[in-house]
Structures are given as C-alpha cells and as structure tokens.
Amino acid sequence: MNCEKCRSEALKVAAGQPGVDSVALDGKEKEKVVVIGDFDAVKLTENLRKKVGATEILTLGKQN
C-alpha cells in the first residue's frame, strides 16, 4: 500500500470483518496489515481486494 487513504481503507475493511479482535499496520513502510482473531481469511482477502486492490496472505496461524 503506497498511500494513506489505502492504509486507512484496509484497516477499516479488516476491522469490520466478523471475528477480528485487533488490526494494526506493520512493516518498514506500514505496508502490511496484521489481523488477529477468529475470522474467515478468504472472505477478508476478497473484501480487501474489492476495496483496496492487490492482497496477499503472508502467514496464517493460531494465536497463542
């Protein structure tokens, strides 16, 4: 994500997903969205692609 508007929209989309506990930006240029919770990753990815653009799941696992 290369603009503040894109980051803001990605955070809003992720936070609105059912089952999401927390959302944050990560990475050197805040280009990664970190989402924690028990949610449908496929649905979240689809929603992010519709609203923000190219989306990729980097890691997926259970929270300790």
PDB file of N, CA and C in Angstrom:
ATOM      1  N   MET A   1       0.851  -1.169   0.000  1.00  0.00           N
ATOM      2  CA  MET A   1       0.000   0.000   0.000  1.00  0.00           C
ATOM      3  C   MET A   1       0.893   1.227   0.000  1.00  0.00           C
ATOM      4  N   ASN A   2       0.624   2.099  -0.907  1.00  0.00           N
ATOM      5  CA  ASN A   2       1.502   3.246  -1.039  1.00  0.00           C
ATOM      6  C   ASN A   2       0.842   4.581  -0.740  1.00  0.00           C
ATOM      7  N   CYS A   3      -0.354   4.560  -0.187  1.00  0.00           N
ATOM      8  CA  CYS A   3      -0.974   5.838   0.170  1.00  0.00           C
ATOM      9  C   CYS A   3      -1.722   5.716   1.499  1.00  0.00           C
ATOM     10  N   GLU A   4      -1.847   6.819   2.174  1.00  0.00           N
ATOM     11  CA  GLU A   4      -2.508   6.836   3.481  1.00  0.00           C
ATOM     12  C   GLU A   4      -3.979   6.447   3.366  1.00  0.00           C
ATOM     13  N   LYS A   5      -4.630   6.852   2.286  1.00  0.00           N
ATOM     14  CA  LYS A   5      -6.032   6.512   2.083  1.00  0.00           C
ATOM     15  C   LYS A   5      -6.206   4.994   1.958  1.00  0.00           C
ATOM     16  N   CYS A   6      -5.285   4.333   1.242  1.00  0.00           N
ATOM     17  CA  CYS A   6      -5.336   2.873   1.087  1.00  0.00           C
ATOM     18  C   CYS A   6      -5.152   2.183   2.435  1.00  0.00           C
ATOM     19  N   ARG A   7      -4.216   2.666   3.226  1.00  0.00           N
ATOM     20  CA  ARG A   7      -3.978   2.085   4.552  1.00  0.00           C
ATOM     21  C   ARG A   7      -5.212   2.221   5.424  1.00  0.00           C
ATOM     22  N   SER A   8      -5.792   3.393   5.407  1.00  0.00           N
ATOM     23  CA  SER A   8      -6.975   3.663   6.211  1.00  0.00           C
ATOM     24  C   SER A   8      -8.136   2.760   5.791  1.00  0.00           C
ATOM     25  N   GLU A   9      -8.335   2.612   4.490  1.00  0.00           N
ATOM     26  CA  GLU A   9      -9.418   1.772   3.978  1.00  0.00           C
ATOM     27  C   GLU A   9      -9.173   0.308   4.329  1.00  0.00           C
ATOM     28  N   ALA A  10      -7.937  -0.153   4.236  1.00  0.00           N
ATOM     29  CA  ALA A  10      -7.605  -1.544   4.581  1.00  0.00           C
ATOM     30  C   ALA A  10      -7.888  -1.807   6.052  1.00  0.00           C
ATOM     31  N   LEU A  11      -7.524  -0.872   6.912  1.00  0.00           N
ATOM     32  CA  LEU A  11      -7.791  -1.024   8.341  1.00  0.00           C
ATOM     33  C   LEU A  11      -9.293  -1.077   8.609  1.00  0.00           C
ATOM     34  N   LYS A  12     -10.041  -0.225   7.925  1.00  0.00           N
ATOM     35  CA  LYS A  12     -11.488  -0.175   8.116  1.00  0.00           C
ATOM     36  C   LYS A  12     -12.148  -1.483   7.664  1.00  0.00           C
ATOM     37  N   VAL A  13     -11.730  -1.990   6.511  1.00  0.00           N
ATOM     38  CA  VAL A  13     -12.286  -3.245   5.998  1.00  0.00           C
ATOM     39  C   VAL A  13     -11.965  -4.399   6.945  1.00  0.00           C
ATOM     40  N   ALA A  14     -10.720  -4.488   7.375  1.00  0.00           N
ATOM     41  CA  ALA A  14     -10.309  -5.574   8.267  1.00  0.00           C
ATOM     42  C   ALA A  14     -11.037  -5.494   9.603  1.00  0.00           C
ATOM     43  N   ALA A  15     -11.159  -4.310  10.157  1.00  0.00           N
ATOM     44  CA  ALA A  15     -11.814  -4.143  11.456  1.00  0.00           C
ATOM     45  C   ALA A  15     -13.300  -4.482  11.384  1.00  0.00           C
ATOM     46  N   GLY A  16     -13.903  -4.321  10.225  1.00  0.00           N
ATOM     47  CA  GLY A  16     -15.328  -4.604  10.058  1.00  0.00           C
ATOM     48  C   GLY A  16     -15.646  -6.071   9.838  1.00  0.00           C
ATOM     49  N   GLN A  17     -14.627  -6.884   9.692  1.00  0.00           N
ATOM     50  CA  GLN A  17     -14.814  -8.321   9.457  1.00  0.00           C
ATOM     51  C   GLN A  17     -15.234  -9.013  10.759  1.00  0.00           C
ATOM     52  N   PRO A  18     -16.294  -9.837  10.735  1.00  0.00           N
ATOM     53  CA  PRO A  18     -16.700 -10.564  11.941  1.00  0.00           C
ATOM     54  C   PRO A  18     -15.582 -11.459  12.466  1.00  0.00           C
ATOM     55  N   GLY A  19     -15.356 -11.458  13.774  1.00  0.00           N
ATOM     56  CA  GLY A  19     -14.361 -12.305  14.404  1.00  0.00           C
ATOM     57  C   GLY A  19     -12.988 -11.678  14.570  1.00  0.00           C
ATOM     58  N   VAL A  20     -12.797 -10.472  14.034  1.00  0.00           N
ATOM     59  CA  VAL A  20     -11.499  -9.801  14.146  1.00  0.00           C
ATOM     60  C   VAL A  20     -11.374  -9.168  15.528  1.00  0.00           C
ATOM     61  N   ASP A  21     -10.270  -9.480  16.231  1.00  0.00           N
ATOM     62  CA  ASP A  21     -10.022  -8.925  17.560  1.00  0.00           C
ATOM     63  C   ASP A  21      -9.190  -7.647  17.504  1.00  0.00           C
ATOM     64  N   SER A  22      -8.184  -7.615  16.627  1.00  0.00           N
ATOM     65  CA  SER A  22      -7.351  -6.415  16.509  1.00  0.00           C
ATOM     66  C   SER A  22      -6.767  -6.302  15.111  1.00  0.00           C
ATOM     67  N   VAL A  23      -6.477  -5.057  14.722  1.00  0.00           N
ATOM     68  CA  VAL A  23      -5.914  -4.752  13.409  1.00  0.00           C
ATOM     69  C   VAL A  23      -4.805  -3.732  13.610  1.00  0.00           C
ATOM     70  N   ALA A  24      -3.686  -3.921  12.919  1.00  0.00           N
ATOM     71  CA  ALA A  24      -2.566  -2.979  13.020  1.00  0.00           C
ATOM     72  C   ALA A  24      -1.784  -2.976  11.715  1.00  0.00           C
ATOM     73  N   LEU A  25      -1.000  -1.932  11.516  1.00  0.00           N
ATOM     74  CA  LEU A  25      -0.098  -1.845  10.372  1.00  0.00           C
ATOM     75  C   LEU A  25       1.284  -2.276  10.807  1.00  0.00           C
ATOM     76  N   ASP A  26       2.008  -2.935   9.905  1.00  0.00           N
ATOM     77  CA  ASP A  26       3.340  -3.422  10.208  1.00  0.00           C
ATOM     78  C   ASP A  26       4.216  -3.253   8.974  1.00  0.00           C
ATOM     79  N   GLY A  27       5.502  -3.417   9.164  1.00  0.00           N
ATOM     80  CA  GLY A  27       6.447  -3.303   8.066  1.00  0.00           C
ATOM     81  C   GLY A  27       7.158  -1.963   8.088  1.00  0.00           C
ATOM     82  N   LYS A  28       8.247  -1.906   7.373  1.00  0.00           N
ATOM     83  CA  LYS A  28       9.069  -0.696   7.344  1.00  0.00           C
ATOM     84  C   LYS A  28       8.282   0.526   6.894  1.00  0.00           C
ATOM     85  N   GLU A  29       7.445   0.329   5.876  1.00  0.00           N
ATOM     86  CA  GLU A  29       6.653   1.441   5.337  1.00  0.00           C
ATOM     87  C   GLU A  29       5.167   1.288   5.654  1.00  0.00           C
ATOM     88  N   LYS A  30       4.864   0.525   6.695  1.00  0.00           N
ATOM     89  CA  LYS A  30       3.474   0.284   7.119  1.00  0.00           C
ATOM     90  C   LYS A  30       2.640  -0.274   5.963  1.00  0.00           C
ATOM     91  N   GLU A  31       3.237  -1.212   5.207  1.00  0.00           N
ATOM     92  CA  GLU A  31       2.573  -1.764   4.039  1.00  0.00           C
ATOM     93  C   GLU A  31       1.839  -3.071   4.324  1.00  0.00           C
ATOM     94  N   LYS A  32       1.939  -3.584   5.538  1.00  0.00           N
ATOM     95  CA  LYS A  32       1.304  -4.846   5.901  1.00  0.00           C
ATOM     96  C   LYS A  32       0.218  -4.603   6.941  1.00  0.00           C
ATOM     97  N   VAL A  33      -0.900  -5.300   6.769  1.00  0.00           N
ATOM     98  CA  VAL A  33      -1.981  -5.232   7.739  1.00  0.00           C
ATOM     99  C   VAL A  33      -1.946  -6.529   8.548  1.00  0.00           C
ATOM    100  N   VAL A  34      -1.812  -6.396   9.857  1.00  0.00           N
ATOM    101  CA  VAL A  34      -1.792  -7.553  10.758  1.00  0.00           C
ATOM    102  C   VAL A  34      -3.173  -7.652  11.388  1.00  0.00           C
ATOM    103  N   VAL A  35      -3.830  -8.795  11.177  1.00  0.00           N
ATOM    104  CA  VAL A  35      -5.178  -9.011  11.679  1.00  0.00           C
ATOM    105  C   VAL A  35      -5.151 -10.210  12.614  1.00  0.00           C
ATOM    106  N   ILE A  36      -5.683 -10.041  13.815  1.00  0.00           N
ATOM    107  CA  ILE A  36      -5.707 -11.107  14.814  1.00  0.00           C
ATOM    108  C   ILE A  36      -7.157 -11.384  15.195  1.00  0.00           C
ATOM    109  N   GLY A  37      -7.495 -12.675  15.261  1.00  0.00           N
ATOM    110  CA  GLY A  37      -8.835 -13.077  15.662  1.00  0.00           C
ATOM    111  C   GLY A  37      -9.228 -14.373  14.999  1.00  0.00           C
ATOM    112  N   ASP A  38     -10.470 -14.760  15.189  1.00  0.00           N
ATOM    113  CA  ASP A  38     -11.022 -15.972  14.599  1.00  0.00           C
ATOM    114  C   ASP A  38     -11.982 -15.530  13.493  1.00  0.00           C
ATOM    115  N   PHE A  39     -11.459 -15.370  12.277  1.00  0.00           N
ATOM    116  CA  PHE A  39     -12.228 -14.819  11.170  1.00  0.00           C
ATOM    117  C   PHE A  39     -11.996 -15.655   9.914  1.00  0.00           C
ATOM    118  N   ASP A  40     -12.797 -15.417   8.897  1.00  0.00           N
ATOM    119  CA  ASP A  40     -12.683 -16.094   7.610  1.00  0.00           C
ATOM    120  C   ASP A  40     -11.643 -15.354   6.768  1.00  0.00           C
ATOM    121  N   ALA A  41     -10.448 -15.930   6.651  1.00  0.00           N
ATOM    122  CA  ALA A  41      -9.342 -15.273   5.940  1.00  0.00           C
ATOM    123  C   ALA A  41      -9.642 -15.098   4.455  1.00  0.00           C
ATOM    124  N   VAL A  42     -10.345 -16.049   3.865  1.00  0.00           N
ATOM    125  CA  VAL A  42     -10.681 -15.946   2.442  1.00  0.00           C
ATOM    126  C   VAL A  42     -11.629 -14.773   2.210  1.00  0.00           C
ATOM    127  N   LYS A  43     -12.635 -14.658   3.048  1.00  0.00           N
ATOM    128  CA  LYS A  43     -13.602 -13.561   2.919  1.00  0.00           C
ATOM    129  C   LYS A  43     -12.916 -12.212   3.141  1.00  0.00           C
ATOM    130  N   LEU A  44     -12.031 -12.139   4.133  1.00  0.00           N
ATOM    131  CA  LEU A  44     -11.297 -10.902   4.383  1.00  0.00           C
ATOM    132  C   LEU A  44     -10.452 -10.535   3.167  1.00  0.00           C
ATOM    133  N   THR A  45      -9.767 -11.506   2.591  1.00  0.00           N
ATOM    134  CA  THR A  45      -8.941 -11.260   1.409  1.00  0.00           C
ATOM    135  C   THR A  45      -9.794 -10.759   0.248  1.00  0.00           C
ATOM    136  N   GLU A  46     -10.947 -11.386   0.032  1.00  0.00           N
ATOM    137  CA  GLU A  46     -11.855 -10.949  -1.035  1.00  0.00           C
ATOM    138  C   GLU A  46     -12.300  -9.507  -0.817  1.00  0.00           C
ATOM    139  N   ASN A  47     -12.680  -9.181   0.422  1.00  0.00           N
ATOM    140  CA  ASN A  47     -13.135  -7.819   0.729  1.00  0.00           C
ATOM    141  C   ASN A  47     -12.016  -6.795   0.535  1.00  0.00           C
ATOM    142  N   LEU A  48     -10.797  -7.143   0.957  1.00  0.00           N
ATOM    143  CA  LEU A  48      -9.672  -6.225   0.780  1.00  0.00           C
ATOM    144  C   LEU A  48      -9.358  -6.020  -0.700  1.00  0.00           C
ATOM    145  N   ARG A  49      -9.447  -7.075  -1.496  1.00  0.00           N
ATOM    146  CA  ARG A  49      -9.187  -6.944  -2.937  1.00  0.00           C
ATOM    147  C   ARG A  49     -10.217  -6.049  -3.608  1.00  0.00           C
ATOM    148  N   LYS A  50     -11.472  -6.146  -3.181  1.00  0.00           N
ATOM    149  CA  LYS A  50     -12.532  -5.310  -3.750  1.00  0.00           C
ATOM    150  C   LYS A  50     -12.331  -3.840  -3.395  1.00  0.00           C
ATOM    151  N   LYS A  51     -11.963  -3.567  -2.149  1.00  0.00           N
ATOM    152  CA  LYS A  51     -11.895  -2.189  -1.659  1.00  0.00           C
ATOM    153  C   LYS A  51     -10.534  -1.521  -1.840  1.00  0.00           C
ATOM    154  N   VAL A  52      -9.446  -2.302  -1.722  1.00  0.00           N
ATOM    155  CA  VAL A  52      -8.108  -1.707  -1.699  1.00  0.00           C
ATOM    156  C   VAL A  52      -7.280  -2.068  -2.922  1.00  0.00           C
ATOM    157  N   GLY A  53      -7.396  -3.299  -3.386  1.00  0.00           N
ATOM    158  CA  GLY A  53      -6.604  -3.744  -4.525  1.00  0.00           C
ATOM    159  C   GLY A  53      -5.886  -5.044  -4.199  1.00  0.00           C
ATOM    160  N   ALA A  54      -4.739  -5.234  -4.815  1.00  0.00           N
ATOM    161  CA  ALA A  54      -3.980  -6.480  -4.657  1.00  0.00           C
ATOM    162  C   ALA A  54      -3.774  -6.810  -3.186  1.00  0.00           C
ATOM    163  N   THR A  55      -4.082  -8.061  -2.836  1.00  0.00           N
ATOM    164  CA  THR A  55      -3.982  -8.525  -1.454  1.00  0.00           C
ATOM    165  C   THR A  55      -3.368  -9.909  -1.441  1.00  0.00           C
ATOM    166  N   GLU A  56      -2.517 -10.158  -0.473  1.00  0.00           N
ATOM    167  CA  GLU A  56      -1.843 -11.443  -0.346  1.00  0.00           C
ATOM    168  C   GLU A  56      -1.775 -11.831   1.122  1.00  0.00           C
ATOM    169  N   ILE A  57      -2.087 -13.096   1.413  1.00  0.00           N
ATOM    170  CA  ILE A  57      -1.941 -13.608   2.774  1.00  0.00           C
ATOM    171  C   ILE A  57      -0.494 -14.053   2.930  1.00  0.00           C
ATOM    172  N   LEU A  58       0.210 -13.470   3.889  1.00  0.00           N
ATOM    173  CA  LEU A  58       1.616 -13.828   4.107  1.00  0.00           C
ATOM    174  C   LEU A  58       1.760 -14.973   5.086  1.00  0.00           C
ATOM    175  N   THR A  59       1.050 -14.920   6.197  1.00  0.00           N
ATOM    176  CA  THR A  59       1.053 -16.014   7.164  1.00  0.00           C
ATOM    177  C   THR A  59      -0.334 -16.172   7.754  1.00  0.00           C
ATOM    178  N   LEU A  60      -0.615 -17.379   8.182  1.00  0.00           N
ATOM    179  CA  LEU A  60      -1.909 -17.672   8.784  1.00  0.00           C
ATOM    180  C   LEU A  60      -1.672 -18.744   9.829  1.00  0.00           C
ATOM    181  N   GLY A  61      -2.142 -18.511  11.020  1.00  0.00           N
ATOM    182  CA  GLY A  61      -1.946 -19.478  12.088  1.00  0.00           C
ATOM    183  C   GLY A  61      -2.807 -19.152  13.276  1.00  0.00           C
ATOM    184  N   LYS A  62      -2.706 -19.988  14.278  1.00  0.00           N
ATOM    185  CA  LYS A  62      -3.469 -19.781  15.503  1.00  0.00           C
ATOM    186  C   LYS A  62      -2.708 -18.866  16.454  1.00  0.00           C
ATOM    187  N   GLN A  63      -3.460 -18.027  17.140  1.00  0.00           N
ATOM    188  CA  GLN A  63      -2.871 -17.128  18.140  1.00  0.00           C
ATOM    189  C   GLN A  63      -2.575 -17.923  19.403  1.00  0.00           C
ATOM    190  N   ASN A  64      -1.436 -17.694  20.013  1.00  0.00           N
ATOM    191  CA  ASN A  64      -1.072 -18.399  21.239  1.00  0.00           C
ATOM    192  C   ASN A  64      -1.771 -17.847  22.436  1.00  0.00           C
TER     193      ASN A  64
END
